[in-house]
PDB file of N, CA and C in Angstrom:
ATOM      1  N   MET A   1       0.739  -1.290   0.165  1.00  0.00           N
ATOM      2  CA  MET A   1       0.053   0.061   0.034  1.00  0.00           C
ATOM      3  C   MET A   1       0.682   1.421   0.024  1.00  0.00           C
ATOM      4  N   THR A   2       0.423   2.492  -0.548  1.00  0.00           N
ATOM      5  CA  THR A   2       1.162   3.489  -0.701  1.00  0.00           C
ATOM      6  C   THR A   2       1.288   4.138   0.401  1.00  0.00           C
ATOM      7  N   THR A   3       1.389   5.500   0.836  1.00  0.00           N
ATOM      8  CA  THR A   3       1.437   6.021   2.115  1.00  0.00           C
ATOM      9  C   THR A   3      -0.147   6.820   1.621  1.00  0.00           C
ATOM     10  N   LYS A   4      -0.704   7.156   0.787  1.00  0.00           N
ATOM     11  CA  LYS A   4      -2.191   7.699   0.304  1.00  0.00           C
ATOM     12  C   LYS A   4      -2.967   6.591   0.937  1.00  0.00           C
ATOM     13  N   GLU A   5      -2.381   5.492   0.128  1.00  0.00           N
ATOM     14  CA  GLU A   5      -3.753   4.292   0.904  1.00  0.00           C
ATOM     15  C   GLU A   5      -3.875   4.216   2.276  1.00  0.00           C
ATOM     16  N   VAL A   6      -2.678   3.947   2.730  1.00  0.00           N
ATOM     17  CA  VAL A   6      -2.455   3.845   4.198  1.00  0.00           C
ATOM     18  C   VAL A   6      -3.193   5.068   5.231  1.00  0.00           C
ATOM     19  N   ALA A   7      -2.833   6.410   4.923  1.00  0.00           N
ATOM     20  CA  ALA A   7      -3.874   7.556   4.944  1.00  0.00           C
ATOM     21  C   ALA A   7      -5.039   7.480   5.244  1.00  0.00           C
ATOM     22  N   ASP A   8      -5.653   7.373   3.482  1.00  0.00           N
ATOM     23  CA  ASP A   8      -7.098   6.878   3.583  1.00  0.00           C
ATOM     24  C   ASP A   8      -8.127   5.686   4.330  1.00  0.00           C
ATOM     25  N   LYS A   9      -7.342   4.775   4.511  1.00  0.00           N
ATOM     26  CA  LYS A   9      -7.847   3.429   5.173  1.00  0.00           C
ATOM     27  C   LYS A   9      -8.001   3.788   6.803  1.00  0.00           C
ATOM     28  N   LEU A  10      -6.206   3.933   7.131  1.00  0.00           N
ATOM     29  CA  LEU A  10      -6.955   4.542   8.654  1.00  0.00           C
ATOM     30  C   LEU A  10      -7.836   5.652   8.893  1.00  0.00           C
ATOM     31  N   VAL A  11      -7.698   6.312   7.906  1.00  0.00           N
ATOM     32  CA  VAL A  11      -9.008   7.929   8.486  1.00  0.00           C
ATOM     33  C   VAL A  11     -10.277   7.155   8.075  1.00  0.00           C
ATOM     34  N   SER A  12     -10.530   6.497   7.606  1.00  0.00           N
ATOM     35  CA  SER A  12     -11.880   5.770   7.013  1.00  0.00           C
ATOM     36  C   SER A  12     -12.104   5.156   8.250  1.00  0.00           C
ATOM     37  N   MET A  13     -11.159   4.595   9.259  1.00  0.00           N
ATOM     38  CA  MET A  13     -11.169   3.019  10.075  1.00  0.00           C
ATOM     39  C   MET A  13     -12.031   3.893  11.277  1.00  0.00           C
ATOM     40  N   CYS A  14     -11.045   5.480  11.365  1.00  0.00           N
ATOM     41  CA  CYS A  14     -11.184   5.835  12.844  1.00  0.00           C
ATOM     42  C   CYS A  14     -12.523   6.556  12.679  1.00  0.00           C
ATOM     43  N   ARG A  15     -12.652   7.438  11.537  1.00  0.00           N
ATOM     44  CA  ARG A  15     -14.088   7.671  11.496  1.00  0.00           C
ATOM     45  C   ARG A  15     -15.104   6.383  11.848  1.00  0.00           C
ATOM     46  N   GLN A  16     -15.055   5.207  11.455  1.00  0.00           N
ATOM     47  CA  GLN A  16     -15.871   4.615  11.792  1.00  0.00           C
ATOM     48  C   GLN A  16     -15.502   3.956  13.104  1.00  0.00           C
ATOM     49  N   GLY A  17     -15.141   4.492  14.257  1.00  0.00           N
ATOM     50  CA  GLY A  17     -14.397   4.099  15.359  1.00  0.00           C
ATOM     51  C   GLY A  17     -14.013   2.699  15.971  1.00  0.00           C
ATOM     52  N   GLN A  18     -13.290   2.541  14.267  1.00  0.00           N
ATOM     53  CA  GLN A  18     -12.706   0.990  14.305  1.00  0.00           C
ATOM     54  C   GLN A  18     -11.396   1.598  14.946  1.00  0.00           C
ATOM     55  N   VAL A  19     -10.610   2.287  15.705  1.00  0.00           N
ATOM     56  CA  VAL A  19      -9.419   2.735  16.216  1.00  0.00           C
ATOM     57  C   VAL A  19      -8.469   1.640  16.449  1.00  0.00           C
ATOM     58  N   GLU A  20      -9.046   0.677  17.298  1.00  0.00           N
ATOM     59  CA  GLU A  20      -7.785  -0.630  17.929  1.00  0.00           C
ATOM     60  C   GLU A  20      -7.332  -1.222  16.579  1.00  0.00           C
ATOM     61  N   LYS A  21      -8.517  -1.340  15.424  1.00  0.00           N
ATOM     62  CA  LYS A  21      -8.918  -2.137  14.423  1.00  0.00           C
ATOM     63  C   LYS A  21      -7.535  -1.920  13.733  1.00  0.00           C
ATOM     64  N   ALA A  22      -7.183  -0.661  13.371  1.00  0.00           N
ATOM     65  CA  ALA A  22      -6.425   0.053  12.519  1.00  0.00           C
ATOM     66  C   ALA A  22      -4.888   0.276  12.859  1.00  0.00           C
ATOM     67  N   LYS A  23      -4.968  -0.250  14.188  1.00  0.00           N
ATOM     68  CA  LYS A  23      -3.361  -0.227  14.620  1.00  0.00           C
ATOM     69  C   LYS A  23      -3.183  -1.762  14.422  1.00  0.00           C
ATOM     70  N   LEU A  24      -4.264  -3.181  14.406  1.00  0.00           N
ATOM     71  CA  LEU A  24      -3.920  -3.978  14.281  1.00  0.00           C
ATOM     72  C   LEU A  24      -3.296  -4.228  12.908  1.00  0.00           C
ATOM     73  N   GLU A  25      -3.977  -3.515  11.824  1.00  0.00           N
ATOM     74  CA  GLU A  25      -4.008  -3.654  10.653  1.00  0.00           C
ATOM     75  C   GLU A  25      -2.810  -2.789  10.128  1.00  0.00           C
ATOM     76  N   PHE A  26      -2.251  -2.053  11.389  1.00  0.00           N
ATOM     77  CA  PHE A  26      -0.840  -1.176  10.386  1.00  0.00           C
ATOM     78  C   PHE A  26      -0.109  -1.037  11.035  1.00  0.00           C
ATOM     79  N   PHE A  27       0.083  -1.366  12.643  1.00  0.00           N
ATOM     80  CA  PHE A  27       1.020  -1.388  13.304  1.00  0.00           C
ATOM     81  C   PHE A  27       1.877  -2.227  13.360  1.00  0.00           C
ATOM     82  N   THR A  28       3.049  -2.364  14.175  1.00  0.00           N
ATOM     83  CA  THR A  28       4.043  -3.454  14.063  1.00  0.00           C
ATOM     84  C   THR A  28       4.435  -3.424  15.363  1.00  0.00           C
ATOM     85  N   GLU A  29       5.509  -4.662  16.076  1.00  0.00           N
ATOM     86  CA  GLU A  29       6.154  -4.392  17.068  1.00  0.00           C
ATOM     87  C   GLU A  29       7.586  -3.437  16.922  1.00  0.00           C
ATOM     88  N   GLU A  30       7.783  -2.627  16.204  1.00  0.00           N
ATOM     89  CA  GLU A  30       8.977  -1.893  15.909  1.00  0.00           C
ATOM     90  C   GLU A  30       8.105   0.109  15.653  1.00  0.00           C
ATOM     91  N   THR A  31       6.736  -0.529  15.655  1.00  0.00           N
ATOM     92  CA  THR A  31       6.053   0.747  15.834  1.00  0.00           C
ATOM     93  C   THR A  31       6.374   2.006  16.979  1.00  0.00           C
ATOM     94  N   LEU A  32       6.602   3.048  16.833  1.00  0.00           N
ATOM     95  CA  LEU A  32       7.357   4.394  17.772  1.00  0.00           C
ATOM     96  C   LEU A  32       5.729   5.208  18.123  1.00  0.00           C
ATOM     97  N   SER A  33       5.421   5.242  19.046  1.00  0.00           N
ATOM     98  CA  SER A  33       4.324   6.344  19.297  1.00  0.00           C
ATOM     99  C   SER A  33       5.067   7.235  20.587  1.00  0.00           C
ATOM    100  N   ILE A  34       4.653   8.420  19.964  1.00  0.00           N
ATOM    101  CA  ILE A  34       5.388   9.621  20.684  1.00  0.00           C
ATOM    102  C   ILE A  34       4.364  10.799  21.283  1.00  0.00           C
ATOM    103  N   GLU A  35       4.227  10.956  22.339  1.00  0.00           N
ATOM    104  CA  GLU A  35       3.172  12.156  23.120  1.00  0.00           C
ATOM    105  C   GLU A  35       4.225  13.141  23.126  1.00  0.00           C
ATOM    106  N   PRO A  36       3.117  14.738  23.409  1.00  0.00           N
ATOM    107  CA  PRO A  36       4.385  15.762  23.636  1.00  0.00           C
ATOM    108  C   PRO A  36       5.359  15.953  24.691  1.00  0.00           C
ATOM    109  N   ARG A  37       5.036  15.300  25.484  1.00  0.00           N
ATOM    110  CA  ARG A  37       5.139  15.517  26.953  1.00  0.00           C
ATOM    111  C   ARG A  37       5.064  13.824  28.093  1.00  0.00           C
ATOM    112  N   GLU A  38       6.085  13.967  28.758  1.00  0.00           N
ATOM    113  CA  GLU A  38       5.985  12.880  29.477  1.00  0.00           C
ATOM    114  C   GLU A  38       4.396  13.421  30.609  1.00  0.00           C
ATOM    115  N   GLY A  39       3.502  12.174  31.360  1.00  0.00           N
ATOM    116  CA  GLY A  39       2.549  12.714  31.981  1.00  0.00           C
ATOM    117  C   GLY A  39       1.960  11.747  32.027  1.00  0.00           C
ATOM    118  N   LEU A  40       0.368  11.549  31.741  1.00  0.00           N
ATOM    119  CA  LEU A  40      -0.345  10.137  32.387  1.00  0.00           C
ATOM    120  C   LEU A  40       0.353   9.408  31.168  1.00  0.00           C
ATOM    121  N   LEU A  41       0.197   9.784  30.338  1.00  0.00           N
ATOM    122  CA  LEU A  41       0.626   9.033  29.488  1.00  0.00           C
ATOM    123  C   LEU A  41       2.630   8.712  28.863  1.00  0.00           C
ATOM    124  N   PRO A  42       3.169   7.538  28.670  1.00  0.00           N
ATOM    125  CA  PRO A  42       4.431   7.760  28.683  1.00  0.00           C
ATOM    126  C   PRO A  42       4.571   8.596  27.632  1.00  0.00           C
ATOM    127  N   LYS A  43       5.635   9.023  27.516  1.00  0.00           N
ATOM    128  CA  LYS A  43       6.379  10.385  25.817  1.00  0.00           C
ATOM    129  C   LYS A  43       6.499   9.354  25.078  1.00  0.00           C
ATOM    130  N   GLU A  44       6.859   8.076  25.374  1.00  0.00           N
ATOM    131  CA  GLU A  44       7.399   6.746  24.005  1.00  0.00           C
ATOM    132  C   GLU A  44       7.369   5.789  24.334  1.00  0.00           C
ATOM    133  N   THR A  45       6.598   5.083  23.668  1.00  0.00           N
ATOM    134  CA  THR A  45       5.829   3.930  23.603  1.00  0.00           C
ATOM    135  C   THR A  45       6.601   3.043  22.359  1.00  0.00           C
ATOM    136  N   ARG A  46       7.131   1.669  21.951  1.00  0.00           N
ATOM    137  CA  ARG A  46       7.359   0.891  21.274  1.00  0.00           C
ATOM    138  C   ARG A  46       6.319  -0.494  21.064  1.00  0.00           C
ATOM    139  N   GLY A  47       6.031  -0.536  19.951  1.00  0.00           N
ATOM    140  CA  GLY A  47       5.763  -2.075  19.623  1.00  0.00           C
ATOM    141  C   GLY A  47       4.015  -1.838  19.986  1.00  0.00           C
ATOM    142  N   LEU A  48       3.117  -2.575  18.727  1.00  0.00           N
ATOM    143  CA  LEU A  48       1.714  -2.553  19.073  1.00  0.00           C
ATOM    144  C   LEU A  48       1.160  -2.748  20.537  1.00  0.00           C
ATOM    145  N   LYS A  49       1.492  -4.032  20.789  1.00  0.00           N
ATOM    146  CA  LYS A  49       1.538  -4.609  22.416  1.00  0.00           C
ATOM    147  C   LYS A  49       1.202  -3.082  23.354  1.00  0.00           C
ATOM    148  N   ALA A  50       2.546  -2.623  23.360  1.00  0.00           N
ATOM    149  CA  ALA A  50       2.717  -1.501  24.182  1.00  0.00           C
ATOM    150  C   ALA A  50       1.534  -0.329  24.007  1.00  0.00           C
ATOM    151  N   ILE A  51       1.818   0.049  22.680  1.00  0.00           N
ATOM    152  CA  ILE A  51       0.692   1.063  21.992  1.00  0.00           C
ATOM    153  C   ILE A  51      -1.225   0.743  22.395  1.00  0.00           C
ATOM    154  N   GLN A  52      -1.222  -0.458  22.472  1.00  0.00           N
ATOM    155  CA  GLN A  52      -2.490  -0.887  22.732  1.00  0.00           C
ATOM    156  C   GLN A  52      -3.026  -0.681  24.173  1.00  0.00           C
ATOM    157  N   GLU A  53      -1.823  -0.889  25.032  1.00  0.00           N
ATOM    158  CA  GLU A  53      -2.083  -0.333  26.751  1.00  0.00           C
ATOM    159  C   GLU A  53      -1.942   0.474  27.038  1.00  0.00           C
ATOM    160  N   LYS A  54      -1.063   1.419  26.212  1.00  0.00           N
ATOM    161  CA  LYS A  54      -1.259   3.016  26.614  1.00  0.00           C
ATOM    162  C   LYS A  54      -3.128   3.250  25.728  1.00  0.00           C
ATOM    163  N   ALA A  55      -3.286   2.965  25.127  1.00  0.00           N
ATOM    164  CA  ALA A  55      -4.459   3.698  24.524  1.00  0.00           C
ATOM    165  C   ALA A  55      -5.584   2.576  25.717  1.00  0.00           C
ATOM    166  N   GLU A  56      -5.807   1.766  26.369  1.00  0.00           N
ATOM    167  CA  GLU A  56      -6.270   0.795  27.281  1.00  0.00           C
ATOM    168  C   GLU A  56      -6.266   2.354  28.798  1.00  0.00           C
ATOM    169  N   LEU A  57      -5.122   2.668  29.350  1.00  0.00           N
ATOM    170  CA  LEU A  57      -4.695   3.296  29.796  1.00  0.00           C
ATOM    171  C   LEU A  57      -5.518   4.948  29.787  1.00  0.00           C
ATOM    172  N   PHE A  58      -5.571   5.092  28.366  1.00  0.00           N
ATOM    173  CA  PHE A  58      -6.569   6.319  28.000  1.00  0.00           C
ATOM    174  C   PHE A  58      -7.733   6.189  28.371  1.00  0.00           C
ATOM    175  N   ILE A  59      -8.249   5.193  27.834  1.00  0.00           N
ATOM    176  CA  ILE A  59      -9.606   4.851  28.247  1.00  0.00           C
ATOM    177  C   ILE A  59     -10.107   4.931  28.947  1.00  0.00           C
ATOM    178  N   SER A  60      -9.308   4.216  30.380  1.00  0.00           N
ATOM    179  CA  SER A  60      -9.592   3.805  31.717  1.00  0.00           C
ATOM    180  C   SER A  60      -9.797   5.514  32.751  1.00  0.00           C
ATOM    181  N   MET A  61      -8.971   6.300  31.473  1.00  0.00           N
ATOM    182  CA  MET A  61      -9.223   8.112  32.496  1.00  0.00           C
ATOM    183  C   MET A  61     -10.342   8.663  31.658  1.00  0.00           C
ATOM    184  N   VAL A  62     -10.934   7.917  31.170  1.00  0.00           N
ATOM    185  CA  VAL A  62     -12.253   8.706  30.170  1.00  0.00           C
ATOM    186  C   VAL A  62     -13.428   8.933  31.088  1.00  0.00           C
ATOM    187  N   GLU A  63     -14.465   9.653  31.249  1.00  0.00           N
ATOM    188  CA  GLU A  63     -15.561   9.676  32.062  1.00  0.00           C
ATOM    189  C   GLU A  63     -16.870   9.272  31.106  1.00  0.00           C
ATOM    190  N   GLN A  64     -16.800  10.176  29.559  1.00  0.00           N
ATOM    191  CA  GLN A  64     -17.488  10.540  28.945  1.00  0.00           C
ATOM    192  C   GLN A  64     -16.989  11.057  27.303  1.00  0.00           C
ATOM    193  N   PHE A  65     -17.402   9.716  26.630  1.00  0.00           N
ATOM    194  CA  PHE A  65     -16.768  10.306  24.822  1.00  0.00           C
ATOM    195  C   PHE A  65     -18.129  11.278  24.077  1.00  0.00           C
ATOM    196  N   TYR A  66     -18.046  12.340  23.632  1.00  0.00           N
ATOM    197  CA  TYR A  66     -19.199  13.080  23.148  1.00  0.00           C
ATOM    198  C   TYR A  66     -19.093  12.718  21.150  1.00  0.00           C
ATOM    199  N   GLY A  67     -17.499  12.472  21.118  1.00  0.00           N
ATOM    200  CA  GLY A  67     -17.563  12.568  19.826  1.00  0.00           C
ATOM    201  C   GLY A  67     -15.882  13.171  19.166  1.00  0.00           C
ATOM    202  N   SER A  68     -16.297  12.829  18.115  1.00  0.00           N
ATOM    203  CA  SER A  68     -14.627  13.314  17.454  1.00  0.00           C
ATOM    204  C   SER A  68     -15.157  13.777  16.343  1.00  0.00           C
ATOM    205  N   ASN A  69     -13.489  14.594  15.029  1.00  0.00           N
ATOM    206  CA  ASN A  69     -13.610  14.860  14.146  1.00  0.00           C
ATOM    207  C   ASN A  69     -12.511  14.694  13.449  1.00  0.00           C
ATOM    208  N   ILE A  70     -11.961  13.982  12.340  1.00  0.00           N
ATOM    209  CA  ILE A  70     -11.259  13.452  12.052  1.00  0.00           C
ATOM    210  C   ILE A  70     -10.693  14.542  10.479  1.00  0.00           C
ATOM    211  N   THR A  71      -9.535  15.203  10.027  1.00  0.00           N
ATOM    212  CA  THR A  71      -9.828  15.756   9.267  1.00  0.00           C
ATOM    213  C   THR A  71      -8.960  14.988   7.467  1.00  0.00           C
ATOM    214  N   ASP A  72      -9.602  15.103   6.629  1.00  0.00           N
ATOM    215  CA  ASP A  72      -8.926  14.116   5.586  1.00  0.00           C
ATOM    216  C   ASP A  72      -7.112  14.637   5.978  1.00  0.00           C
ATOM    217  N   PRO A  73      -6.737  12.932   5.208  1.00  0.00           N
ATOM    218  CA  PRO A  73      -5.040  13.342   5.629  1.00  0.00           C
ATOM    219  C   PRO A  73      -4.478  14.273   4.332  1.00  0.00           C
ATOM    220  N   PHE A  74      -3.631  14.675   4.916  1.00  0.00           N
ATOM    221  CA  PHE A  74      -2.822  15.573   4.023  1.00  0.00           C
ATOM    222  C   PHE A  74      -1.241  14.972   3.983  1.00  0.00           C
ATOM    223  N   VAL A  75      -0.708  14.199   2.563  1.00  0.00           N
ATOM    224  CA  VAL A  75       0.363  12.942   2.279  1.00  0.00           C
ATOM    225  C   VAL A  75       1.719  13.819   1.921  1.00  0.00           C
ATOM    226  N   ALA A  76       2.641  13.905   2.740  1.00  0.00           N
ATOM    227  CA  ALA A  76       4.084  14.244   2.044  1.00  0.00           C
ATOM    228  C   ALA A  76       4.549  13.060   1.952  1.00  0.00           C
ATOM    229  N   GLY A  77       5.260  12.259   0.840  1.00  0.00           N
ATOM    230  CA  GLY A  77       6.038  11.211   0.595  1.00  0.00           C
ATOM    231  C   GLY A  77       5.451  10.174   1.733  1.00  0.00           C
ATOM    232  N   ASP A  78       6.480  10.052   2.217  1.00  0.00           N
ATOM    233  CA  ASP A  78       6.225   8.486   3.727  1.00  0.00           C
ATOM    234  C   ASP A  78       5.483   8.729   4.813  1.00  0.00           C
ATOM    235  N   TYR A  79       5.226  10.467   4.623  1.00  0.00           N
ATOM    236  CA  TYR A  79       4.372  10.807   6.121  1.00  0.00           C
ATOM    237  C   TYR A  79       3.251  11.549   5.380  1.00  0.00           C
ATOM    238  N   PHE A  80       2.044  11.305   6.250  1.00  0.00           N
ATOM    239  CA  PHE A  80       0.930  12.188   6.689  1.00  0.00           C
ATOM    240  C   PHE A  80       0.331  12.585   7.727  1.00  0.00           C
ATOM    241  N   SER A  81      -0.437  13.877   7.804  1.00  0.00           N
ATOM    242  CA  SER A  81      -0.969  14.133   8.901  1.00  0.00           C
ATOM    243  C   SER A  81      -2.429  14.216   9.065  1.00  0.00           C
ATOM    244  N   VAL A  82      -2.822  14.314  10.406  1.00  0.00           N
ATOM    245  CA  VAL A  82      -4.677  14.457  10.517  1.00  0.00           C
ATOM    246  C   VAL A  82      -4.540  15.376  11.931  1.00  0.00           C
ATOM    247  N   GLY A  83      -5.755  16.227  11.554  1.00  0.00           N
ATOM    248  CA  GLY A  83      -6.179  16.899  12.607  1.00  0.00           C
ATOM    249  C   GLY A  83      -7.766  15.998  13.439  1.00  0.00           C
ATOM    250  N   TRP A  84      -7.291  16.593  14.359  1.00  0.00           N
ATOM    251  CA  TRP A  84      -8.351  15.450  15.090  1.00  0.00           C
ATOM    252  C   TRP A  84      -8.671  16.099  16.822  1.00  0.00           C
ATOM    253  N   GLU A  85      -9.896  16.317  16.666  1.00  0.00           N
ATOM    254  CA  GLU A  85     -10.655  17.139  17.684  1.00  0.00           C
ATOM    255  C   GLU A  85     -11.519  15.700  17.958  1.00  0.00           C
ATOM    256  N   THR A  86     -11.266  16.181  19.853  1.00  0.00           N
ATOM    257  CA  THR A  86     -12.230  15.290  20.411  1.00  0.00           C
ATOM    258  C   THR A  86     -13.513  16.233  21.682  1.00  0.00           C
ATOM    259  N   ASP A  87     -14.665  15.850  21.802  1.00  0.00           N
ATOM    260  CA  ASP A  87     -15.042  16.323  22.711  1.00  0.00           C
ATOM    261  C   ASP A  87     -15.501  14.927  23.656  1.00  0.00           C
ATOM    262  N   ILE A  88     -14.686  15.614  24.619  1.00  0.00           N
ATOM    263  CA  ILE A  88     -14.373  14.731  25.798  1.00  0.00           C
ATOM    264  C   ILE A  88     -14.642  15.568  27.128  1.00  0.00           C
ATOM    265  N   GLN A  89     -14.676  14.058  28.139  1.00  0.00           N
ATOM    266  CA  GLN A  89     -14.511  14.456  29.267  1.00  0.00           C
ATOM    267  C   GLN A  89     -14.010  13.280  30.358  1.00  0.00           C
ATOM    268  N   MET A  90     -12.966  13.600  31.110  1.00  0.00           N
ATOM    269  CA  MET A  90     -11.814  12.882  31.376  1.00  0.00           C
ATOM    270  C   MET A  90     -12.345  12.551  32.794  1.00  0.00           C
ATOM    271  N   LYS A  91     -12.287  11.744  33.979  1.00  0.00           N
ATOM    272  CA  LYS A  91     -12.429  11.479  35.146  1.00  0.00           C
ATOM    273  C   LYS A  91     -12.318  12.711  35.726  1.00  0.00           C
ATOM    274  N   GLY A  92     -12.848  13.393  36.895  1.00  0.00           N
ATOM    275  CA  GLY A  92     -12.757  14.081  37.719  1.00  0.00           C
ATOM    276  C   GLY A  92     -12.497  15.880  37.322  1.00  0.00           C
ATOM    277  N   GLN A  93     -12.813  16.192  35.679  1.00  0.00           N
ATOM    278  CA  GLN A  93     -12.364  17.217  34.986  1.00  0.00           C
ATOM    279  C   GLN A  93     -14.061  17.662  34.305  1.00  0.00           C
ATOM    280  N   GLU A  94     -13.657  19.165  33.972  1.00  0.00           N
ATOM    281  CA  GLU A  94     -14.608  19.161  33.059  1.00  0.00           C
ATOM    282  C   GLU A  94     -14.774  18.742  31.563  1.00  0.00           C
ATOM    283  N   ARG A  95     -16.085  18.619  30.944  1.00  0.00           N
ATOM    284  CA  ARG A  95     -16.253  18.357  29.529  1.00  0.00           C
ATOM    285  C   ARG A  95     -15.314  19.301  28.861  1.00  0.00           C
ATOM    286  N   GLN A  96     -14.309  18.832  28.161  1.00  0.00           N
ATOM    287  CA  GLN A  96     -13.628  19.911  26.854  1.00  0.00           C
ATOM    288  C   GLN A  96     -13.584  19.156  25.714  1.00  0.00           C
ATOM    289  N   ALA A  97     -13.019  20.397  24.619  1.00  0.00           N
ATOM    290  CA  ALA A  97     -12.927  19.752  23.336  1.00  0.00           C
ATOM    291  C   ALA A  97     -11.669  19.718  23.153  1.00  0.00           C
ATOM    292  N   ASN A  98     -11.007  18.734  22.694  1.00  0.00           N
ATOM    293  CA  ASN A  98      -9.173  18.465  22.335  1.00  0.00           C
ATOM    294  C   ASN A  98      -8.766  18.901  20.877  1.00  0.00           C
ATOM    295  N   SER A  99      -7.796  19.719  20.791  1.00  0.00           N
ATOM    296  CA  SER A  99      -7.432  19.201  19.144  1.00  0.00           C
ATOM    297  C   SER A  99      -5.935  19.298  18.868  1.00  0.00           C
ATOM    298  N   GLU A 100      -5.755  18.487  18.271  1.00  0.00           N
ATOM    299  CA  GLU A 100      -3.835  17.708  18.149  1.00  0.00           C
ATOM    300  C   GLU A 100      -3.805  17.261  16.972  1.00  0.00           C
ATOM    301  N   ILE A 101      -2.854  17.128  16.486  1.00  0.00           N
ATOM    302  CA  ILE A 101      -2.156  17.185  15.097  1.00  0.00           C
ATOM    303  C   ILE A 101      -1.351  15.366  15.098  1.00  0.00           C
ATOM    304  N   CYS A 102      -1.953  14.696  14.230  1.00  0.00           N
ATOM    305  CA  CYS A 102      -1.694  13.374  14.592  1.00  0.00           C
ATOM    306  C   CYS A 102      -0.515  12.979  12.782  1.00  0.00           C
ATOM    307  N   LEU A 103       1.021  12.929  13.289  1.00  0.00           N
ATOM    308  CA  LEU A 103       1.791  12.526  12.236  1.00  0.00           C
ATOM    309  C   LEU A 103       1.948  11.188  12.263  1.00  0.00           C
ATOM    310  N   TYR A 104       1.835  10.765  10.703  1.00  0.00           N
ATOM    311  CA  TYR A 104       2.704   8.898  10.810  1.00  0.00           C
ATOM    312  C   TYR A 104       3.517   9.096   9.847  1.00  0.00           C
ATOM    313  N   LYS A 105       4.331   8.153   9.563  1.00  0.00           N
ATOM    314  CA  LYS A 105       5.271   7.929   9.212  1.00  0.00           C
ATOM    315  C   LYS A 105       5.099   5.867   8.526  1.00  0.00           C
ATOM    316  N   VAL A 106       5.129   6.111   7.289  1.00  0.00           N
ATOM    317  CA  VAL A 106       4.911   5.030   6.715  1.00  0.00           C
ATOM    318  C   VAL A 106       5.830   3.969   5.811  1.00  0.00           C
ATOM    319  N   LYS A 107       6.094   3.195   5.841  1.00  0.00           N
ATOM    320  CA  LYS A 107       7.283   2.091   5.036  1.00  0.00           C
ATOM    321  C   LYS A 107       6.869   0.659   5.114  1.00  0.00           C
ATOM    322  N   GLY A 108       6.453   0.582   3.571  1.00  0.00           N
ATOM    323  CA  GLY A 108       6.250  -0.985   3.511  1.00  0.00           C
ATOM    324  C   GLY A 108       4.587  -1.467   3.319  1.00  0.00           C
ATOM    325  N   GLY A 109       3.941   0.001   3.348  1.00  0.00           N
ATOM    326  CA  GLY A 109       2.541  -0.368   4.064  1.00  0.00           C
ATOM    327  C   GLY A 109       2.271  -0.340   5.168  1.00  0.00           C
ATOM    328  N   LYS A 110       3.256  -0.199   6.171  1.00  0.00           N
ATOM    329  CA  LYS A 110       2.684  -0.010   7.518  1.00  0.00           C
ATOM    330  C   LYS A 110       2.962   1.663   8.284  1.00  0.00           C
ATOM    331  N   ILE A 111       2.639   1.428   9.228  1.00  0.00           N
ATOM    332  CA  ILE A 111       3.098   2.546   9.998  1.00  0.00           C
ATOM    333  C   ILE A 111       3.881   2.713  10.995  1.00  0.00           C
ATOM    334  N   ILE A 112       5.051   3.074  10.864  1.00  0.00           N
ATOM    335  CA  ILE A 112       6.573   2.754  11.888  1.00  0.00           C
ATOM    336  C   ILE A 112       6.209   4.133  12.803  1.00  0.00           C
ATOM    337  N   SER A 113       5.734   5.089  12.738  1.00  0.00           N
ATOM    338  CA  SER A 113       6.199   5.770  14.153  1.00  0.00           C
ATOM    339  C   SER A 113       4.527   6.707  13.533  1.00  0.00           C
ATOM    340  N   GLU A 114       4.468   7.231  14.997  1.00  0.00           N
ATOM    341  CA  GLU A 114       3.092   8.399  15.001  1.00  0.00           C
ATOM    342  C   GLU A 114       3.885   9.036  16.064  1.00  0.00           C
ATOM    343  N   GLN A 115       2.981  10.475  15.953  1.00  0.00           N
ATOM    344  CA  GLN A 115       3.875  11.549  16.743  1.00  0.00           C
ATOM    345  C   GLN A 115       2.714  12.531  17.172  1.00  0.00           C
ATOM    346  N   PHE A 116       2.181  12.683  18.027  1.00  0.00           N
ATOM    347  CA  PHE A 116       1.124  13.671  18.685  1.00  0.00           C
ATOM    348  C   PHE A 116       1.459  15.093  19.229  1.00  0.00           C
ATOM    349  N   PHE A 117       0.836  15.835  18.357  1.00  0.00           N
ATOM    350  CA  PHE A 117       1.302  17.639  18.712  1.00  0.00           C
ATOM    351  C   PHE A 117      -0.704  18.163  19.423  1.00  0.00           C
ATOM    352  N   TYR A 118      -0.433  18.553  21.031  1.00  0.00           N
ATOM    353  CA  TYR A 118      -1.433  19.165  21.233  1.00  0.00           C
ATOM    354  C   TYR A 118      -0.936  20.243  22.205  1.00  0.00           C
TER     355      TYR A 118
END
């Protein structure tokens, strides 16, 4: 798959609520996930299993999920980015709208890295 094909399919799956299924299809045990800072989530996580565990940790902190919006991907070479807005309430916090930019690198039809900016 080309970078554009991976990008389009990932976005389509995420819009359908299939985020974890998309990880199974496109992530590997070498995929690196980078958060903007160390905090509730680790700054760097490597490998499908560890990335899935990080997602479970995040989900455990959510009180209520109201929805999200994902932009169409912008593709450049081996990279693509999407904007992702969520309407969410974390446990013990007020409901809030969050915006982030997600940057992905593709090699051989697989996502080898993802980095988040928020």
